[in-house]
Amino acid sequence: MNKKLISILVGVSLAALACPVHAGDWRNSWSSEKGAAAQRCARTFDDYQLQAVCMDNEKDGYIKMQSSFGLPNSVAYKAKVRCMSTFDDFQLQAVCMQNEKDGYDKMQKY
């Protein structure tokens, strides 16, 4: 399987396992969001080692969500809102945004 498909499958699996906690909002500071991210990770995983990996992925996703993913700012903002409404986790929002970027790039070729 290719890497993109695996990341999508992992994202969908994690989304199905996660209990609802407010969605991460990239517009807020990490310090105000990390508690909710930790809560999402703790509800998703029992093991501390997996919670720690989840938190690393959450922080990486949050950092990625600070960028425009190479999209025009207005397009990126709308896509971020859609990804946030679909996925609670920053890591999944970032995967969603990369997929949006890939789709946008393909649409520019038509």
PDB file of N, CA and C in Angstrom:
ATOM      1  N   MET A   1       0.840  -1.184   0.000  1.00  0.00           N
ATOM      2  CA  MET A   1       0.000   0.000   0.000  1.00  0.00           C
ATOM      3  C   MET A   1       0.884   1.246   0.000  1.00  0.00           C
ATOM      4  N   ASN A   2       0.419   2.294  -0.637  1.00  0.00           N
ATOM      5  CA  ASN A   2       1.233   3.501  -0.637  1.00  0.00           C
ATOM      6  C   ASN A   2       1.037   4.284   0.670  1.00  0.00           C
ATOM      7  N   LYS A   3       1.985   5.159   0.921  1.00  0.00           N
ATOM      8  CA  LYS A   3       2.023   5.907   2.185  1.00  0.00           C
ATOM      9  C   LYS A   3       0.775   6.768   2.392  1.00  0.00           C
ATOM     10  N   LYS A   4       0.280   7.396   1.329  1.00  0.00           N
ATOM     11  CA  LYS A   4      -0.891   8.269   1.448  1.00  0.00           C
ATOM     12  C   LYS A   4      -2.122   7.466   1.864  1.00  0.00           C
ATOM     13  N   LEU A   5      -2.308   6.294   1.234  1.00  0.00           N
ATOM     14  CA  LEU A   5      -3.454   5.456   1.563  1.00  0.00           C
ATOM     15  C   LEU A   5      -3.368   4.969   3.004  1.00  0.00           C
ATOM     16  N   ILE A   6      -2.170   4.602   3.435  1.00  0.00           N
ATOM     17  CA  ILE A   6      -1.995   4.153   4.817  1.00  0.00           C
ATOM     18  C   ILE A   6      -2.332   5.269   5.791  1.00  0.00           C
ATOM     19  N   SER A   7      -1.876   6.488   5.510  1.00  0.00           N
ATOM     20  CA  SER A   7      -2.167   7.597   6.433  1.00  0.00           C
ATOM     21  C   SER A   7      -3.660   7.896   6.485  1.00  0.00           C
ATOM     22  N   ILE A   8      -4.353   7.748   5.360  1.00  0.00           N
ATOM     23  CA  ILE A   8      -5.799   7.961   5.354  1.00  0.00           C
ATOM     24  C   ILE A   8      -6.492   6.882   6.178  1.00  0.00           C
ATOM     25  N   LEU A   9      -6.082   5.617   5.985  1.00  0.00           N
ATOM     26  CA  LEU A   9      -6.689   4.520   6.734  1.00  0.00           C
ATOM     27  C   LEU A   9      -6.439   4.658   8.233  1.00  0.00           C
ATOM     28  N   VAL A  10      -5.227   5.038   8.608  1.00  0.00           N
ATOM     29  CA  VAL A  10      -4.927   5.247  10.026  1.00  0.00           C
ATOM     30  C   VAL A  10      -5.779   6.384  10.572  1.00  0.00           C
ATOM     31  N   GLY A  11      -5.908   7.453   9.802  1.00  0.00           N
ATOM     32  CA  GLY A  11      -6.712   8.597  10.238  1.00  0.00           C
ATOM     33  C   GLY A  11      -8.158   8.231  10.449  1.00  0.00           C
ATOM     34  N   VAL A  12      -8.715   7.492   9.515  1.00  0.00           N
ATOM     35  CA  VAL A  12     -10.110   7.078   9.639  1.00  0.00           C
ATOM     36  C   VAL A  12     -10.277   6.148  10.834  1.00  0.00           C
ATOM     37  N   SER A  13      -9.319   5.237  11.027  1.00  0.00           N
ATOM     38  CA  SER A  13      -9.386   4.324  12.177  1.00  0.00           C
ATOM     39  C   SER A  13      -9.319   5.079  13.494  1.00  0.00           C
ATOM     40  N   LEU A  14      -8.413   6.038  13.581  1.00  0.00           N
ATOM     41  CA  LEU A  14      -8.310   6.826  14.808  1.00  0.00           C
ATOM     42  C   LEU A  14      -9.565   7.649  15.045  1.00  0.00           C
ATOM     43  N   ALA A  15     -10.125   8.204  13.995  1.00  0.00           N
ATOM     44  CA  ALA A  15     -11.345   8.996  14.147  1.00  0.00           C
ATOM     45  C   ALA A  15     -12.492   8.132  14.651  1.00  0.00           C
ATOM     46  N   ALA A  16     -12.550   6.897  14.200  1.00  0.00           N
ATOM     47  CA  ALA A  16     -13.625   6.002  14.633  1.00  0.00           C
ATOM     48  C   ALA A  16     -13.468   5.605  16.092  1.00  0.00           C
ATOM     49  N   LEU A  17     -12.217   5.532  16.561  1.00  0.00           N
ATOM     50  CA  LEU A  17     -11.962   5.128  17.940  1.00  0.00           C
ATOM     51  C   LEU A  17     -12.129   6.267  18.938  1.00  0.00           C
ATOM     52  N   ALA A  18     -11.890   7.463  18.493  1.00  0.00           N
ATOM     53  CA  ALA A  18     -11.854   8.607  19.406  1.00  0.00           C
ATOM     54  C   ALA A  18     -13.239   8.943  19.957  1.00  0.00           C
ATOM     55  N   CYS A  19     -13.260   9.217  21.251  1.00  0.00           N
ATOM     56  CA  CYS A  19     -14.489   9.710  21.876  1.00  0.00           C
ATOM     57  C   CYS A  19     -14.577  11.208  21.617  1.00  0.00           C
ATOM     58  N   PRO A  20     -15.773  11.738  21.537  1.00  0.00           N
ATOM     59  CA  PRO A  20     -15.881  13.148  21.224  1.00  0.00           C
ATOM     60  C   PRO A  20     -15.324  14.059  22.322  1.00  0.00           C
ATOM     61  N   VAL A  21     -14.420  14.881  21.955  1.00  0.00           N
ATOM     62  CA  VAL A  21     -13.859  15.956  22.760  1.00  0.00           C
ATOM     63  C   VAL A  21     -13.771  17.101  21.768  1.00  0.00           C
ATOM     64  N   HIS A  22     -13.838  18.333  22.241  1.00  0.00           N
ATOM     65  CA  HIS A  22     -13.899  19.435  21.276  1.00  0.00           C
ATOM     66  C   HIS A  22     -12.762  19.343  20.259  1.00  0.00           C
ATOM     67  N   ALA A  23     -13.064  19.725  19.046  1.00  0.00           N
ATOM     68  CA  ALA A  23     -12.089  19.677  17.963  1.00  0.00           C
ATOM     69  C   ALA A  23     -10.977  20.680  18.230  1.00  0.00           C
ATOM     70  N   GLY A  24      -9.768  20.269  17.863  1.00  0.00           N
ATOM     71  CA  GLY A  24      -8.642  21.175  17.980  1.00  0.00           C
ATOM     72  C   GLY A  24      -8.819  22.347  17.022  1.00  0.00           C
ATOM     73  N   ASP A  25      -8.541  23.524  17.500  1.00  0.00           N
ATOM     74  CA  ASP A  25      -8.697  24.739  16.700  1.00  0.00           C
ATOM     75  C   ASP A  25      -7.330  25.370  16.497  1.00  0.00           C
ATOM     76  N   TRP A  26      -6.809  25.296  15.269  1.00  0.00           N
ATOM     77  CA  TRP A  26      -5.478  25.804  14.948  1.00  0.00           C
ATOM     78  C   TRP A  26      -5.359  27.297  15.184  1.00  0.00           C
ATOM     79  N   ARG A  27      -6.471  28.016  15.312  1.00  0.00           N
ATOM     80  CA  ARG A  27      -6.429  29.467  15.505  1.00  0.00           C
ATOM     81  C   ARG A  27      -6.052  29.833  16.938  1.00  0.00           C
ATOM     82  N   ASN A  28      -6.167  28.874  17.855  1.00  0.00           N
ATOM     83  CA  ASN A  28      -5.784  29.091  19.253  1.00  0.00           C
ATOM     84  C   ASN A  28      -4.316  28.737  19.443  1.00  0.00           C
ATOM     85  N   SER A  29      -3.745  29.195  20.541  1.00  0.00           N
ATOM     86  CA  SER A  29      -2.347  28.856  20.844  1.00  0.00           C
ATOM     87  C   SER A  29      -2.247  27.389  21.258  1.00  0.00           C
ATOM     88  N   TRP A  30      -1.063  26.806  21.051  1.00  0.00           N
ATOM     89  CA  TRP A  30      -0.841  25.417  21.452  1.00  0.00           C
ATOM     90  C   TRP A  30      -1.053  25.264  22.956  1.00  0.00           C
ATOM     91  N   SER A  31      -0.617  26.251  23.740  1.00  0.00           N
ATOM     92  CA  SER A  31      -0.770  26.139  25.198  1.00  0.00           C
ATOM     93  C   SER A  31      -2.234  26.048  25.611  1.00  0.00           C
ATOM     94  N   SER A  32      -3.133  26.674  24.851  1.00  0.00           N
ATOM     95  CA  SER A  32      -4.552  26.577  25.190  1.00  0.00           C
ATOM     96  C   SER A  32      -5.197  25.313  24.613  1.00  0.00           C
ATOM     97  N   GLU A  33      -4.564  24.677  23.649  1.00  0.00           N
ATOM     98  CA  GLU A  33      -5.122  23.492  22.985  1.00  0.00           C
ATOM     99  C   GLU A  33      -4.538  22.177  23.484  1.00  0.00           C
ATOM    100  N   LYS A  34      -3.340  22.215  24.081  1.00  0.00           N
ATOM    101  CA  LYS A  34      -2.672  20.948  24.403  1.00  0.00           C
ATOM    102  C   LYS A  34      -3.406  20.123  25.458  1.00  0.00           C
ATOM    103  N   GLY A  35      -4.121  20.743  26.369  1.00  0.00           N
ATOM    104  CA  GLY A  35      -4.890  19.990  27.364  1.00  0.00           C
ATOM    105  C   GLY A  35      -5.998  19.167  26.718  1.00  0.00           C
ATOM    106  N   ALA A  36      -6.709  19.762  25.775  1.00  0.00           N
ATOM    107  CA  ALA A  36      -7.762  19.038  25.062  1.00  0.00           C
ATOM    108  C   ALA A  36      -7.157  17.952  24.185  1.00  0.00           C
ATOM    109  N   ALA A  37      -5.992  18.234  23.596  1.00  0.00           N
ATOM    110  CA  ALA A  37      -5.312  17.222  22.777  1.00  0.00           C
ATOM    111  C   ALA A  37      -4.912  16.035  23.651  1.00  0.00           C
ATOM    112  N   ALA A  38      -4.395  16.316  24.834  1.00  0.00           N
ATOM    113  CA  ALA A  38      -4.018  15.236  25.762  1.00  0.00           C
ATOM    114  C   ALA A  38      -5.241  14.422  26.165  1.00  0.00           C
ATOM    115  N   GLN A  39      -6.346  15.083  26.362  1.00  0.00           N
ATOM    116  CA  GLN A  39      -7.588  14.390  26.718  1.00  0.00           C
ATOM    117  C   GLN A  39      -8.054  13.497  25.565  1.00  0.00           C
ATOM    118  N   ARG A  40      -7.970  14.002  24.334  1.00  0.00           N
ATOM    119  CA  ARG A  40      -8.338  13.183  23.172  1.00  0.00           C
ATOM    120  C   ARG A  40      -7.439  11.955  23.076  1.00  0.00           C
ATOM    121  N   CYS A  41      -6.147  12.155  23.278  1.00  0.00           N
ATOM    122  CA  CYS A  41      -5.199  11.031  23.206  1.00  0.00           C
ATOM    123  C   CYS A  41      -5.454  10.023  24.323  1.00  0.00           C
ATOM    124  N   ALA A  42      -5.745  10.501  25.529  1.00  0.00           N
ATOM    125  CA  ALA A  42      -6.002   9.597  26.662  1.00  0.00           C
ATOM    126  C   ALA A  42      -7.283   8.806  26.447  1.00  0.00           C
ATOM    127  N   ARG A  43      -8.268   9.419  25.828  1.00  0.00           N
ATOM    128  CA  ARG A  43      -9.524   8.702  25.554  1.00  0.00           C
ATOM    129  C   ARG A  43      -9.369   7.699  24.417  1.00  0.00           C
ATOM    130  N   THR A  44      -8.427   7.957  23.534  1.00  0.00           N
ATOM    131  CA  THR A  44      -8.205   7.068  22.401  1.00  0.00           C
ATOM    132  C   THR A  44      -7.320   5.880  22.781  1.00  0.00           C
ATOM    133  N   PHE A  45      -6.306   6.117  23.619  1.00  0.00           N
ATOM    134  CA  PHE A  45      -5.327   5.084  23.967  1.00  0.00           C
ATOM    135  C   PHE A  45      -5.207   4.920  25.471  1.00  0.00           C
ATOM    136  N   ASP A  46      -5.176   3.668  25.929  1.00  0.00           N
ATOM    137  CA  ASP A  46      -4.971   3.378  27.347  1.00  0.00           C
ATOM    138  C   ASP A  46      -3.503   3.470  27.741  1.00  0.00           C
ATOM    139  N   ASP A  47      -2.615   3.049  26.866  1.00  0.00           N
ATOM    140  CA  ASP A  47      -1.182   2.990  27.172  1.00  0.00           C
ATOM    141  C   ASP A  47      -0.541   4.366  27.093  1.00  0.00           C
ATOM    142  N   TYR A  48       0.278   4.665  28.094  1.00  0.00           N
ATOM    143  CA  TYR A  48       0.957   5.972  28.110  1.00  0.00           C
ATOM    144  C   TYR A  48       1.892   6.135  26.922  1.00  0.00           C
ATOM    145  N   GLN A  49       2.518   5.034  26.504  1.00  0.00           N
ATOM    146  CA  GLN A  49       3.434   5.149  25.367  1.00  0.00           C
ATOM    147  C   GLN A  49       2.691   5.585  24.107  1.00  0.00           C
ATOM    148  N   LEU A  50       1.473   5.071  23.914  1.00  0.00           N
ATOM    149  CA  LEU A  50       0.684   5.467  22.753  1.00  0.00           C
ATOM    150  C   LEU A  50       0.110   6.866  22.921  1.00  0.00           C
ATOM    151  N   GLN A  51      -0.222   7.230  24.150  1.00  0.00           N
ATOM    152  CA  GLN A  51      -0.684   8.592  24.405  1.00  0.00           C
ATOM    153  C   GLN A  51       0.426   9.589  24.072  1.00  0.00           C
ATOM    154  N   ALA A  52       1.673   9.235  24.424  1.00  0.00           N
ATOM    155  CA  ALA A  52       2.810  10.124  24.150  1.00  0.00           C
ATOM    156  C   ALA A  52       3.032  10.271  22.642  1.00  0.00           C
ATOM    157  N   VAL A  53       2.946   9.166  21.908  1.00  0.00           N
ATOM    158  CA  VAL A  53       3.080   9.229  20.451  1.00  0.00           C
ATOM    159  C   VAL A  53       1.943  10.069  19.870  1.00  0.00           C
ATOM    160  N   CYS A  54       0.741   9.848  20.377  1.00  0.00           N
ATOM    161  CA  CYS A  54      -0.419  10.625  19.936  1.00  0.00           C
ATOM    162  C   CYS A  54      -0.176  12.117  20.172  1.00  0.00           C
ATOM    163  N   MET A  55       0.341  12.479  21.340  1.00  0.00           N
ATOM    164  CA  MET A  55       0.598  13.891  21.637  1.00  0.00           C
ATOM    165  C   MET A  55       1.665  14.473  20.721  1.00  0.00           C
ATOM    166  N   ASP A  56       2.709  13.678  20.416  1.00  0.00           N
ATOM    167  CA  ASP A  56       3.716  14.151  19.458  1.00  0.00           C
ATOM    168  C   ASP A  56       3.058  14.424  18.104  1.00  0.00           C
ATOM    169  N   ASN A  57       2.187  13.515  17.691  1.00  0.00           N
ATOM    170  CA  ASN A  57       1.483  13.688  16.413  1.00  0.00           C
ATOM    171  C   ASN A  57       0.517  14.873  16.459  1.00  0.00           C
ATOM    172  N   GLU A  58      -0.120  15.069  17.602  1.00  0.00           N
ATOM    173  CA  GLU A  58      -1.016  16.223  17.751  1.00  0.00           C
ATOM    174  C   GLU A  58      -0.237  17.531  17.616  1.00  0.00           C
ATOM    175  N   LYS A  59       0.911  17.606  18.280  1.00  0.00           N
ATOM    176  CA  LYS A  59       1.703  18.835  18.207  1.00  0.00           C
ATOM    177  C   LYS A  59       2.218  19.061  16.788  1.00  0.00           C
ATOM    178  N   ASP A  60       2.682  17.996  16.138  1.00  0.00           N
ATOM    179  CA  ASP A  60       3.129  18.116  14.747  1.00  0.00           C
ATOM    180  C   ASP A  60       1.979  18.579  13.857  1.00  0.00           C
ATOM    181  N   GLY A  61       0.790  17.992  14.058  1.00  0.00           N
ATOM    182  CA  GLY A  61      -0.379  18.391  13.278  1.00  0.00           C
ATOM    183  C   GLY A  61      -0.741  19.842  13.516  1.00  0.00           C
ATOM    184  N   TYR A  62      -0.677  20.278  14.786  1.00  0.00           N
ATOM    185  CA  TYR A  62      -0.972  21.673  15.122  1.00  0.00           C
ATOM    186  C   TYR A  62      -0.005  22.605  14.385  1.00  0.00           C
ATOM    187  N   ILE A  63       1.273  22.261  14.418  1.00  0.00           N
ATOM    188  CA  ILE A  63       2.287  23.097  13.747  1.00  0.00           C
ATOM    189  C   ILE A  63       2.008  23.162  12.248  1.00  0.00           C
ATOM    190  N   LYS A  64       1.682  22.017  11.643  1.00  0.00           N
ATOM    191  CA  LYS A  64       1.363  22.006  10.208  1.00  0.00           C
ATOM    192  C   LYS A  64       0.134  22.857   9.906  1.00  0.00           C
ATOM    193  N   MET A  65      -0.838  22.841  10.815  1.00  0.00           N
ATOM    194  CA  MET A  65      -2.067  23.601  10.596  1.00  0.00           C
ATOM    195  C   MET A  65      -1.832  25.113  10.654  1.00  0.00           C
ATOM    196  N   GLN A  66      -0.672  25.547  11.101  1.00  0.00           N
ATOM    197  CA  GLN A  66      -0.347  26.973  11.111  1.00  0.00           C
ATOM    198  C   GLN A  66       0.029  27.472   9.718  1.00  0.00           C
ATOM    199  N   SER A  67       0.282  26.541   8.790  1.00  0.00           N
ATOM    200  CA  SER A  67       0.682  26.926   7.438  1.00  0.00           C
ATOM    201  C   SER A  67      -0.539  26.948   6.510  1.00  0.00           C
ATOM    202  N   SER A  68      -0.296  27.390   5.297  1.00  0.00           N
ATOM    203  CA  SER A  68      -1.371  27.406   4.293  1.00  0.00           C
ATOM    204  C   SER A  68      -1.306  26.169   3.396  1.00  0.00           C
ATOM    205  N   PHE A  69      -0.345  25.273   3.631  1.00  0.00           N
ATOM    206  CA  PHE A  69      -0.168  24.056   2.836  1.00  0.00           C
ATOM    207  C   PHE A  69       0.070  24.380   1.365  1.00  0.00           C
ATOM    208  N   GLY A  70       0.586  25.566   1.093  1.00  0.00           N
ATOM    209  CA  GLY A  70       0.852  25.964  -0.287  1.00  0.00           C
ATOM    210  C   GLY A  70      -0.394  26.371  -1.059  1.00  0.00           C
ATOM    211  N   LEU A  71      -1.501  26.541  -0.361  1.00  0.00           N
ATOM    212  CA  LEU A  71      -2.748  26.969  -0.978  1.00  0.00           C
ATOM    213  C   LEU A  71      -2.896  28.482  -0.840  1.00  0.00           C
ATOM    214  N   PRO A  72      -3.665  29.103  -1.714  1.00  0.00           N
ATOM    215  CA  PRO A  72      -3.986  30.517  -1.484  1.00  0.00           C
ATOM    216  C   PRO A  72      -4.657  30.649  -0.110  1.00  0.00           C
ATOM    217  N   ASN A  73      -4.398  31.729   0.589  1.00  0.00           N
ATOM    218  CA  ASN A  73      -4.881  31.887   1.967  1.00  0.00           C
ATOM    219  C   ASN A  73      -6.384  31.697   2.113  1.00  0.00           C
ATOM    220  N   SER A  74      -7.169  32.260   1.199  1.00  0.00           N
ATOM    221  CA  SER A  74      -8.627  32.123   1.328  1.00  0.00           C
ATOM    222  C   SER A  74      -9.066  30.675   1.121  1.00  0.00           C
ATOM    223  N   VAL A  75      -8.423  29.972   0.202  1.00  0.00           N
ATOM    224  CA  VAL A  75      -8.730  28.563  -0.043  1.00  0.00           C
ATOM    225  C   VAL A  75      -8.313  27.732   1.170  1.00  0.00           C
ATOM    226  N   ALA A  76      -7.129  28.021   1.696  1.00  0.00           N
ATOM    227  CA  ALA A  76      -6.620  27.280   2.855  1.00  0.00           C
ATOM    228  C   ALA A  76      -7.539  27.455   4.057  1.00  0.00           C
ATOM    229  N   TYR A  77      -7.988  28.668   4.302  1.00  0.00           N
ATOM    230  CA  TYR A  77      -8.855  28.911   5.459  1.00  0.00           C
ATOM    231  C   TYR A  77     -10.143  28.094   5.358  1.00  0.00           C
ATOM    232  N   LYS A  78     -10.774  28.122   4.191  1.00  0.00           N
ATOM    233  CA  LYS A  78     -12.016  27.364   4.005  1.00  0.00           C
ATOM    234  C   LYS A  78     -11.776  25.867   4.165  1.00  0.00           C
ATOM    235  N   ALA A  79     -10.674  25.381   3.629  1.00  0.00           N
ATOM    236  CA  ALA A  79     -10.353  23.956   3.751  1.00  0.00           C
ATOM    237  C   ALA A  79     -10.067  23.595   5.206  1.00  0.00           C
ATOM    238  N   LYS A  80      -9.368  24.472   5.937  1.00  0.00           N
ATOM    239  CA  LYS A  80      -9.086  24.207   7.353  1.00  0.00           C
ATOM    240  C   LYS A  80     -10.374  24.105   8.161  1.00  0.00           C
ATOM    241  N   VAL A  81     -11.306  24.972   7.880  1.00  0.00           N
ATOM    242  CA  VAL A  81     -12.595  24.933   8.581  1.00  0.00           C
ATOM    243  C   VAL A  81     -13.300  23.614   8.282  1.00  0.00           C
ATOM    244  N   ARG A  82     -13.287  23.194   7.013  1.00  0.00           N
ATOM    245  CA  ARG A  82     -13.902  21.904   6.655  1.00  0.00           C
ATOM    246  C   ARG A  82     -13.206  20.748   7.349  1.00  0.00           C
ATOM    247  N   CYS A  83     -11.876  20.752   7.344  1.00  0.00           N
ATOM    248  CA  CYS A  83     -11.123  19.663   7.984  1.00  0.00           C
ATOM    249  C   CYS A  83     -11.361  19.647   9.493  1.00  0.00           C
ATOM    250  N   MET A  84     -11.456  20.816  10.115  1.00  0.00           N
ATOM    251  CA  MET A  84     -11.700  20.881  11.553  1.00  0.00           C
ATOM    252  C   MET A  84     -13.103  20.371  11.881  1.00  0.00           C
ATOM    253  N   SER A  85     -14.061  20.632  11.003  1.00  0.00           N
ATOM    254  CA  SER A  85     -15.420  20.169  11.275  1.00  0.00           C
ATOM    255  C   SER A  85     -15.553  18.664  11.041  1.00  0.00           C
ATOM    256  N   THR A  86     -14.629  18.089  10.295  1.00  0.00           N
ATOM    257  CA  THR A  86     -14.644  16.659  10.019  1.00  0.00           C
ATOM    258  C   THR A  86     -13.839  15.871  11.044  1.00  0.00           C
ATOM    259  N   PHE A  87     -12.702  16.406  11.481  1.00  0.00           N
ATOM    260  CA  PHE A  87     -11.787  15.701  12.384  1.00  0.00           C
ATOM    261  C   PHE A  87     -11.493  16.531  13.619  1.00  0.00           C
ATOM    262  N   ASP A  88     -11.533  15.892  14.783  1.00  0.00           N
ATOM    263  CA  ASP A  88     -11.210  16.579  16.036  1.00  0.00           C
ATOM    264  C   ASP A  88      -9.704  16.737  16.233  1.00  0.00           C
ATOM    265  N   ASP A  89      -8.937  15.748  15.812  1.00  0.00           N
ATOM    266  CA  ASP A  89      -7.494  15.709  16.076  1.00  0.00           C
ATOM    267  C   ASP A  89      -6.717  16.572  15.085  1.00  0.00           C
ATOM    268  N   PHE A  90      -5.710  17.287  15.599  1.00  0.00           N
ATOM    269  CA  PHE A  90      -4.856  18.096  14.725  1.00  0.00           C
ATOM    270  C   PHE A  90      -4.153  17.220  13.701  1.00  0.00           C
ATOM    271  N   GLN A  91      -3.712  16.033  14.144  1.00  0.00           N
ATOM    272  CA  GLN A  91      -2.975  15.170  13.215  1.00  0.00           C
ATOM    273  C   GLN A  91      -3.847  14.777  12.031  1.00  0.00           C
ATOM    274  N   LEU A  92      -5.118  14.543  12.256  1.00  0.00           N
ATOM    275  CA  LEU A  92      -6.024  14.172  11.169  1.00  0.00           C
ATOM    276  C   LEU A  92      -6.421  15.386  10.341  1.00  0.00           C
ATOM    277  N   GLN A  93      -6.528  16.541  10.988  1.00  0.00           N
ATOM    278  CA  GLN A  93      -6.801  17.773  10.251  1.00  0.00           C
ATOM    279  C   GLN A  93      -5.658  18.047   9.271  1.00  0.00           C
ATOM    280  N   ALA A  94      -4.418  17.814   9.708  1.00  0.00           N
ATOM    281  CA  ALA A  94      -3.263  18.049   8.839  1.00  0.00           C
ATOM    282  C   ALA A  94      -3.259  17.084   7.653  1.00  0.00           C
ATOM    283  N   VAL A  95      -3.623  15.821   7.877  1.00  0.00           N
ATOM    284  CA  VAL A  95      -3.736  14.852   6.776  1.00  0.00           C
ATOM    285  C   VAL A  95      -4.837  15.312   5.817  1.00  0.00           C
ATOM    286  N   CYS A  96      -5.952  15.738   6.365  1.00  0.00           N
ATOM    287  CA  CYS A  96      -7.059  16.254   5.555  1.00  0.00           C
ATOM    288  C   CYS A  96      -6.577  17.430   4.709  1.00  0.00           C
ATOM    289  N   MET A  97      -5.824  18.332   5.298  1.00  0.00           N
ATOM    290  CA  MET A  97      -5.339  19.496   4.560  1.00  0.00           C
ATOM    291  C   MET A  97      -4.361  19.097   3.466  1.00  0.00           C
ATOM    292  N   GLN A  98      -3.514  18.115   3.719  1.00  0.00           N
ATOM    293  CA  GLN A  98      -2.593  17.662   2.674  1.00  0.00           C
ATOM    294  C   GLN A  98      -3.386  17.070   1.511  1.00  0.00           C
ATOM    295  N   ASN A  99      -4.443  16.340   1.840  1.00  0.00           N
ATOM    296  CA  ASN A  99      -5.308  15.794   0.791  1.00  0.00           C
ATOM    297  C   ASN A  99      -6.022  16.909   0.028  1.00  0.00           C
ATOM    298  N   GLU A 100      -6.429  17.962   0.737  1.00  0.00           N
ATOM    299  CA  GLU A 100      -7.038  19.128   0.080  1.00  0.00           C
ATOM    300  C   GLU A 100      -6.040  19.773  -0.873  1.00  0.00           C
ATOM    301  N   LYS A 101      -4.802  19.909  -0.428  1.00  0.00           N
ATOM    302  CA  LYS A 101      -3.739  20.487  -1.262  1.00  0.00           C
ATOM    303  C   LYS A 101      -3.534  19.641  -2.510  1.00  0.00           C
ATOM    304  N   ASP A 102      -3.467  18.323  -2.336  1.00  0.00           N
ATOM    305  CA  ASP A 102      -3.284  17.434  -3.483  1.00  0.00           C
ATOM    306  C   ASP A 102      -4.450  17.565  -4.461  1.00  0.00           C
ATOM    307  N   GLY A 103      -5.666  17.613  -3.932  1.00  0.00           N
ATOM    308  CA  GLY A 103      -6.846  17.774  -4.778  1.00  0.00           C
ATOM    309  C   GLY A 103      -6.856  19.109  -5.493  1.00  0.00           C
ATOM    310  N   TYR A 104      -6.494  20.167  -4.783  1.00  0.00           N
ATOM    311  CA  TYR A 104      -6.437  21.497  -5.382  1.00  0.00           C
ATOM    312  C   TYR A 104      -5.440  21.515  -6.535  1.00  0.00           C
ATOM    313  N   ASP A 105      -4.257  20.931  -6.300  1.00  0.00           N
ATOM    314  CA  ASP A 105      -3.233  20.894  -7.336  1.00  0.00           C
ATOM    315  C   ASP A 105      -3.735  20.130  -8.568  1.00  0.00           C
ATOM    316  N   LYS A 106      -4.399  19.024  -8.363  1.00  0.00           N
ATOM    317  CA  LYS A 106      -4.925  18.254  -9.490  1.00  0.00           C
ATOM    318  C   LYS A 106      -5.988  19.052 -10.250  1.00  0.00           C
ATOM    319  N   MET A 107      -6.849  19.749  -9.516  1.00  0.00           N
ATOM    320  CA  MET A 107      -7.903  20.535 -10.172  1.00  0.00           C
ATOM    321  C   MET A 107      -7.342  21.681 -11.000  1.00  0.00           C
ATOM    322  N   GLN A 108      -6.157  22.170 -10.650  1.00  0.00           N
ATOM    323  CA  GLN A 108      -5.549  23.256 -11.405  1.00  0.00           C
ATOM    324  C   GLN A 108      -5.060  22.782 -12.770  1.00  0.00           C
ATOM    325  N   LYS A 109      -4.932  21.469 -12.945  1.00  0.00           N
ATOM    326  CA  LYS A 109      -4.458  20.898 -14.209  1.00  0.00           C
ATOM    327  C   LYS A 109      -5.586  20.676 -15.211  1.00  0.00           C
ATOM    328  N   TYR A 110      -6.819  20.743 -14.765  1.00  0.00           N
ATOM    329  CA  TYR A 110      -7.954  20.495 -15.659  1.00  0.00           C
ATOM    330  C   TYR A 110      -8.357  21.730 -16.415  1.00  0.00           C
TER     331      TYR A 110
END
